[in-house]
Amino acid sequence: MKSSWLKSGFVDEPVPTNVDLIQEINRLKKEKNAIIMGHFYQKDELQDIADFVGDSLALAQQAAKTDADIIILAGVHFMGETAKILSPEKTVLVPDLNAGCSLADSCPPDAFEEFVKEHPGHTVLTYVNTTANIKALSDIVVTSTNAKSIVDSLPKDEKVIFGPDRNLGNYLNSITGRDMVLWDGACHVHEKFSVEKIIDLKKEFPDALVLAHPECKKPLLILADYVGSTAALLKFSMKSDAKQFIVATESGIIHQMKKESPDKEFIPAPANDSTCACNDCEYMKLNTIEKLYNCLKYEWPAIEVSEDIRLEAVKPINRMLDISEKFGL
């Protein structure tokens, strides 16, 4: 049976229809001293059963301090790797190994290593949405929550490489006055938002504020009323007096926005090629409640990171966590 699971990337075992998944997951979690950490972009039911829900920075901070024996990372592969890098003694599981990341895939380690060599004397900042191998080539890892603070903490004359997201890099250059050398990568979800369709939505909802993630293209960021990480967008929507918001990031965050502000309306921004009013990450949505149950039951699939890579990758992550703590992020 395990050999077929290896091919599928998840525990390909039908869940009996008479199983109460929520009850069984909670039982197994207690029995195995496990914690479920979910990203804001996961399906609603996975966010609801998670012990902790957050963005990439919050998930990394939680992984570094949890006393659980098993971490189930309901997110994508690089998030599981980050947890394993920070907690090598723990078992780190993901519901489906196929839950990758288009942004991480846009930065192959060999090509990025050559890119770094072509720019000697540069500090290498990389976005957390990267593989362990890329983190091992980095000086500091950043998230969209702490990126500006980390860039601002560096001397003004310091030469910097930023990768892999060119949109986030361009945005950071514009708000920090830097001229960082950028790797040409992008997230397929944030690249696809349609400015034209959002303008049409603004006509339909003239009082709605546009909230955008900095991984979006520049024209959308110019149009937006507020730009920030998923956690920042959530916080802004909670504090704002506005009652309607057009949300230009992966639509999973809207679940938390509605929970925190049930009296407000959240409208997902559409993509260029979308026939529906949404823009989902198909990788994030590969995880399901059934796969989560099976991965906890069978403790597979587990994330593995070679020790030599881990020892190099943990350094820039720890620098990120230290700087984030210093600035209270």
Protein backbone atom coordinates (compact mmCIF):
# COMPACT_ATOMS: atom_id res chain seq x y z
CA MET A 1 0.00 0.00 0.00
CA LYS A 2 2.82 2.44 0.90
CA SER A 3 4.33 2.16 -2.58
CA SER A 4 1.13 3.52 -4.14
CA TRP A 5 1.15 6.37 -1.64
CA LEU A 6 4.68 7.25 -2.69
CA LYS A 7 3.48 7.66 -6.27
CA SER A 8 0.44 9.73 -5.33
CA GLY A 9 2.21 12.03 -2.85
CA PHE A 10 -0.51 11.58 -0.23
CA VAL A 11 -2.10 8.72 1.71
CA ASP A 12 -4.38 7.34 -0.98
CA GLU A 13 -6.66 5.52 1.43
CA PRO A 14 -10.45 5.95 1.29
CA VAL A 15 -11.90 7.32 4.52
CA PRO A 16 -14.91 5.27 5.72
CA THR A 17 -18.13 7.26 5.44
CA ASN A 18 -19.04 6.57 9.07
CA VAL A 19 -15.91 8.28 10.41
CA ASP A 20 -16.44 11.63 12.13
CA LEU A 21 -13.35 13.32 10.71
CA ILE A 22 -13.30 16.28 13.08
CA GLN A 23 -13.70 14.06 16.13
CA GLU A 24 -11.07 11.58 14.93
CA ILE A 25 -8.56 14.28 14.00
CA ASN A 26 -8.92 15.85 17.45
CA ARG A 27 -8.53 12.43 19.10
CA LEU A 28 -5.42 11.52 17.11
CA LYS A 29 -3.97 14.97 17.66
CA LYS A 30 -4.22 14.58 21.43
CA GLU A 31 -3.01 10.98 21.35
CA LYS A 32 0.07 11.83 19.29
CA ASN A 33 0.82 15.27 20.76
CA ALA A 34 0.36 16.84 17.33
CA ILE A 35 -0.36 20.42 16.31
CA ILE A 36 -2.12 21.48 13.12
CA MET A 37 -0.89 24.72 11.59
CA GLY A 38 -2.83 26.13 8.66
CA HIS A 39 -2.11 28.92 6.21
CA PHE A 40 -4.68 31.61 5.46
CA TYR A 41 -5.02 30.27 1.90
CA GLN A 42 -6.22 26.81 2.92
CA LYS A 43 -9.78 25.58 2.50
CA ASP A 44 -12.22 26.83 5.13
CA GLU A 45 -12.56 23.50 6.95
CA LEU A 46 -8.79 23.16 7.30
CA GLN A 47 -8.49 26.64 8.75
CA ASP A 48 -11.28 25.85 11.19
CA ILE A 49 -9.70 22.66 12.53
CA ALA A 50 -6.19 24.09 12.75
CA ASP A 51 -4.77 24.92 16.17
CA PHE A 52 -3.03 27.88 14.65
CA VAL A 53 -3.77 29.84 11.46
CA GLY A 54 -1.43 32.45 10.07
CA ASP A 55 0.77 33.76 7.29
CA SER A 56 4.28 32.50 6.51
CA LEU A 57 5.98 34.54 9.24
CA ALA A 58 3.52 33.46 11.92
CA LEU A 59 3.79 29.80 10.86
CA ALA A 60 7.60 29.96 11.05
CA GLN A 61 7.47 31.59 14.48
CA GLN A 62 5.03 28.94 15.70
CA ALA A 63 7.13 26.08 14.30
CA ALA A 64 10.18 27.41 16.12
CA LYS A 65 8.52 27.37 19.55
CA THR A 66 5.96 24.54 19.56
CA ASP A 67 6.44 21.66 21.99
CA ALA A 68 4.37 19.25 19.88
CA ASP A 69 5.97 16.02 18.69
CA ILE A 70 4.23 16.19 15.30
CA ILE A 71 3.61 19.28 13.20
CA ILE A 72 1.00 19.00 10.48
CA LEU A 73 1.51 21.87 8.09
CA ALA A 74 -1.67 22.50 6.13
CA GLY A 75 -0.07 24.60 3.45
CA VAL A 76 2.42 24.09 0.66
CA HIS A 77 5.70 22.20 0.54
CA PHE A 78 8.11 25.05 1.34
CA MET A 79 6.15 25.80 4.51
CA GLY A 80 6.66 22.22 5.66
CA GLU A 81 10.37 22.52 4.85
CA THR A 82 10.62 25.72 6.90
CA ALA A 83 9.02 23.99 9.88
CA LYS A 84 11.40 21.03 9.52
CA ILE A 85 14.42 23.32 9.25
CA LEU A 86 13.43 25.04 12.50
CA SER A 87 12.34 21.86 14.31
CA PRO A 88 14.47 19.00 12.94
CA GLU A 89 13.70 16.74 15.89
CA LYS A 90 9.98 16.84 15.16
CA THR A 91 7.96 14.92 12.60
CA VAL A 92 6.62 17.41 10.06
CA LEU A 93 3.74 16.21 7.89
CA VAL A 94 1.90 17.78 4.96
CA PRO A 95 -1.44 16.38 3.75
CA ASP A 96 -0.29 16.28 0.10
CA LEU A 97 3.31 16.49 -1.14
CA ASN A 98 2.00 17.75 -4.48
CA ALA A 99 1.08 21.05 -2.83
CA GLY A 100 3.95 23.01 -4.31
CA CYS A 101 4.43 26.70 -5.09
CA SER A 102 4.78 28.34 -8.49
CA LEU A 103 6.94 31.10 -6.99
CA ALA A 104 9.34 28.63 -5.39
CA ASP A 105 9.45 26.68 -8.66
CA SER A 106 10.42 29.87 -10.53
CA CYS A 107 13.79 29.88 -8.74
CA PRO A 108 15.87 26.75 -9.49
CA PRO A 109 18.80 26.41 -7.04
CA ASP A 110 21.53 25.97 -9.68
CA ALA A 111 20.43 29.01 -11.66
CA PHE A 112 20.02 31.13 -8.53
CA GLU A 113 23.46 30.12 -7.24
CA GLU A 114 24.96 31.25 -10.56
CA PHE A 115 22.97 34.52 -10.32
CA VAL A 116 24.45 35.16 -6.87
CA LYS A 117 27.98 34.48 -8.16
CA GLU A 118 27.40 37.02 -10.94
CA HIS A 119 26.75 39.68 -8.28
CA PRO A 120 29.62 39.37 -5.78
CA GLY A 121 29.55 41.49 -2.65
CA HIS A 122 25.75 41.48 -2.41
CA THR A 123 23.69 40.49 0.62
CA VAL A 124 21.22 37.84 -0.46
CA LEU A 125 17.64 38.37 0.71
CA THR A 126 15.15 35.70 -0.30
CA TYR A 127 11.43 35.49 0.16
CA VAL A 128 10.23 32.65 2.38
CA ASN A 129 8.39 31.20 -0.64
CA THR A 130 11.47 29.24 -1.68
CA THR A 131 12.90 25.75 -1.31
CA ALA A 132 15.32 24.79 1.46
CA ASN A 133 18.14 24.82 -1.11
CA ILE A 134 17.48 28.47 -1.95
CA LYS A 135 17.31 29.41 1.72
CA ALA A 136 20.70 27.71 2.15
CA LEU A 137 22.13 30.18 -0.41
CA SER A 138 20.68 33.17 1.43
CA ASP A 139 21.87 35.62 4.08
CA ILE A 140 18.40 36.59 5.35
CA VAL A 141 14.95 35.20 4.64
CA VAL A 142 12.01 37.62 4.59
CA THR A 143 8.23 37.41 4.44
CA SER A 144 5.82 39.98 3.07
CA THR A 145 5.09 40.96 6.68
CA ASN A 146 8.66 41.78 7.68
CA ALA A 147 10.38 42.47 4.33
CA LYS A 148 10.33 46.28 4.56
CA SER A 149 11.61 46.30 8.15
CA ILE A 150 14.43 43.92 7.25
CA VAL A 151 15.42 45.89 4.15
CA ASP A 152 15.34 49.13 6.16
CA SER A 153 17.55 47.54 8.82
CA LEU A 154 20.40 47.13 6.32
CA PRO A 155 22.93 49.95 5.73
CA LYS A 156 21.78 52.28 2.94
CA ASP A 157 24.89 51.59 0.86
CA GLU A 158 24.65 47.80 1.18
CA LYS A 159 24.29 45.99 -2.13
CA VAL A 160 21.36 43.57 -2.05
CA ILE A 161 20.01 40.73 -4.17
CA PHE A 162 16.31 40.02 -3.71
CA GLY A 163 14.54 36.93 -4.97
CA PRO A 164 12.55 35.29 -6.23
CA ASP A 165 9.47 37.55 -6.48
CA ARG A 166 10.08 40.48 -8.84
CA ASN A 167 6.78 42.14 -7.95
CA LEU A 168 7.50 42.17 -4.23
CA GLY A 169 11.07 43.23 -4.98
CA ASN A 170 9.94 46.14 -7.16
CA TYR A 171 7.45 47.19 -4.49
CA LEU A 172 10.15 47.10 -1.80
CA ASN A 173 12.49 49.16 -3.99
CA SER A 174 9.74 51.75 -4.45
CA ILE A 175 8.95 52.15 -0.74
CA THR A 176 12.51 51.90 0.62
CA GLY A 177 14.41 53.86 -2.03
CA ARG A 178 16.65 50.86 -2.67
CA ASP A 179 17.93 49.51 -5.94
CA MET A 180 18.05 45.82 -5.13
CA VAL A 181 19.01 43.41 -7.88
CA LEU A 182 15.94 41.28 -8.54
CA TRP A 183 15.49 37.67 -9.56
CA ASP A 184 12.79 37.33 -12.23
CA GLY A 185 10.22 35.12 -10.50
CA ALA A 186 6.53 35.48 -9.68
CA CYS A 187 3.48 33.84 -8.09
CA HIS A 188 1.03 32.66 -10.73
CA VAL A 189 -1.97 33.59 -8.57
CA HIS A 190 -0.96 37.18 -7.87
CA GLU A 191 0.24 37.69 -11.45
CA LYS A 192 -3.20 36.88 -12.88
CA PHE A 193 -5.35 39.51 -11.18
CA SER A 194 -7.16 41.65 -13.73
CA VAL A 195 -6.89 45.42 -13.19
CA GLU A 196 -9.68 45.96 -15.74
CA LYS A 197 -12.07 43.62 -13.92
CA ILE A 198 -11.22 45.20 -10.59
CA ILE A 199 -11.97 48.64 -12.02
CA ASP A 200 -15.33 47.26 -13.16
CA LEU A 201 -15.93 45.96 -9.63
CA LYS A 202 -15.15 49.41 -8.25
CA LYS A 203 -17.91 50.82 -10.46
CA GLU A 204 -20.29 48.24 -9.06
CA PHE A 205 -19.08 48.76 -5.48
CA PRO A 206 -17.88 52.40 -5.41
CA ASP A 207 -17.40 52.46 -1.63
CA ALA A 208 -15.28 49.29 -1.55
CA LEU A 209 -11.61 49.57 -0.66
CA VAL A 210 -9.14 47.55 -2.75
CA LEU A 211 -6.76 45.44 -0.65
CA ALA A 212 -3.74 44.00 -2.49
CA HIS A 213 -0.84 41.71 -1.66
CA PRO A 214 2.61 43.07 -2.69
CA GLU A 215 3.14 40.01 -4.91
CA CYS A 216 0.66 41.63 -7.33
CA LYS A 217 1.81 43.58 -10.37
CA LYS A 218 2.60 47.30 -10.06
CA PRO A 219 -0.58 48.66 -11.79
CA LEU A 220 -2.75 46.86 -9.25
CA LEU A 221 -0.63 48.07 -6.34
CA ILE A 222 -1.03 51.64 -7.59
CA LEU A 223 -4.80 51.12 -7.79
CA ALA A 224 -5.03 49.59 -4.31
CA ASP A 225 -6.17 51.51 -1.25
CA TYR A 226 -3.97 49.35 0.96
CA VAL A 227 -1.03 47.02 0.22
CA GLY A 228 0.14 44.43 2.72
CA SER A 229 0.79 40.81 3.64
CA THR A 230 -2.13 38.49 4.26
CA ALA A 231 -1.90 39.16 7.99
CA ALA A 232 -1.73 42.92 7.37
CA LEU A 233 -4.71 42.82 5.00
CA LEU A 234 -6.71 40.92 7.61
CA LYS A 235 -5.79 43.40 10.34
CA PHE A 236 -6.60 46.39 8.11
CA SER A 237 -10.03 44.99 7.24
CA MET A 238 -10.79 44.53 10.94
CA LYS A 239 -9.82 48.06 11.92
CA SER A 240 -11.19 49.91 8.89
CA ASP A 241 -14.53 51.72 9.07
CA ALA A 242 -15.24 50.64 5.49
CA LYS A 243 -17.95 48.02 4.99
CA GLN A 244 -16.89 46.62 1.61
CA PHE A 245 -13.52 45.36 0.39
CA ILE A 246 -12.22 44.01 -2.92
CA VAL A 247 -9.54 41.51 -1.94
CA ALA A 248 -6.64 40.96 -4.36
CA THR A 249 -4.89 37.97 -2.90
CA GLU A 250 -5.66 34.25 -2.73
CA SER A 251 -9.31 33.99 -1.75
CA GLY A 252 -8.71 31.73 1.26
CA ILE A 253 -8.01 34.77 3.43
CA ILE A 254 -11.61 35.90 3.00
CA HIS A 255 -12.73 33.11 5.36
CA GLN A 256 -10.81 34.71 8.23
CA MET A 257 -11.92 38.19 7.19
CA LYS A 258 -15.58 37.14 7.38
CA LYS A 259 -15.04 35.46 10.75
CA GLU A 260 -13.44 38.57 12.21
CA SER A 261 -15.83 41.07 10.57
CA PRO A 262 -19.15 39.34 9.87
CA ASP A 263 -20.86 42.69 9.29
CA LYS A 264 -18.60 43.53 6.34
CA GLU A 265 -18.61 42.37 2.71
CA PHE A 266 -15.50 40.87 1.09
CA ILE A 267 -15.38 40.56 -2.69
CA PRO A 268 -12.65 38.36 -4.23
CA ALA A 269 -10.76 40.07 -7.03
CA PRO A 270 -11.02 38.12 -10.32
CA ALA A 271 -8.21 36.88 -12.53
CA ASN A 272 -7.69 37.66 -16.21
CA ASP A 273 -8.46 34.11 -17.30
CA SER A 274 -11.16 33.38 -14.74
CA THR A 275 -14.80 32.77 -15.58
CA CYS A 276 -15.71 33.02 -11.89
CA ALA A 277 -15.23 35.84 -9.41
CA CYS A 278 -12.24 34.27 -7.69
CA ASN A 279 -8.53 33.53 -7.96
CA ASP A 280 -7.47 30.41 -6.08
CA CYS A 281 -4.11 28.65 -5.76
CA GLU A 282 -4.68 25.12 -6.98
CA TYR A 283 -1.67 23.94 -4.97
CA MET A 284 -3.04 25.26 -1.69
CA LYS A 285 -6.40 23.69 -2.45
CA LEU A 286 -4.89 20.20 -2.96
CA ASN A 287 -5.03 19.71 0.79
CA THR A 288 -8.34 18.33 2.07
CA ILE A 289 -9.76 17.33 5.42
CA GLU A 290 -9.61 13.65 4.33
CA LYS A 291 -5.92 13.92 3.43
CA LEU A 292 -5.20 15.69 6.71
CA TYR A 293 -6.91 12.89 8.63
CA ASN A 294 -4.97 10.21 6.77
CA CYS A 295 -1.60 11.94 7.12
CA LEU A 296 -2.12 12.23 10.88
CA LYS A 297 -3.34 8.64 11.17
CA TYR A 298 -0.46 7.14 9.17
CA GLU A 299 2.13 9.88 9.91
CA TRP A 300 2.89 10.26 6.22
CA PRO A 301 3.92 12.03 4.03
CA ALA A 302 6.74 13.49 6.09
CA ILE A 303 9.01 16.37 5.08
CA GLU A 304 12.71 15.59 5.02
CA VAL A 305 15.57 18.08 4.66
CA SER A 306 19.17 16.89 4.48
CA GLU A 307 21.19 18.01 7.50
CA ASP A 308 23.83 19.86 5.46
CA ILE A 309 21.15 21.94 3.73
CA ARG A 310 19.24 22.43 6.97
CA LEU A 311 22.27 23.79 8.81
CA GLU A 312 22.80 26.42 6.12
CA ALA A 313 19.09 27.20 5.66
CA VAL A 314 18.39 27.71 9.36
CA LYS A 315 20.86 30.62 9.59
CA PRO A 316 18.96 33.11 7.38
CA ILE A 317 15.63 32.01 8.87
CA ASN A 318 16.92 32.63 12.39
CA ARG A 319 18.21 36.04 11.30
CA MET A 320 14.71 36.81 10.03
CA LEU A 321 13.12 35.69 13.30
CA ASP A 322 15.61 37.71 15.36
CA ILE A 323 15.01 40.89 13.33
CA SER A 324 11.25 40.32 13.44
CA GLU A 325 11.36 39.99 17.23
CA LYS A 326 13.45 43.15 17.47
CA PHE A 327 10.83 45.11 15.54
CA GLY A 328 7.91 43.44 17.29
CA LEU A 329 6.60 41.77 14.13
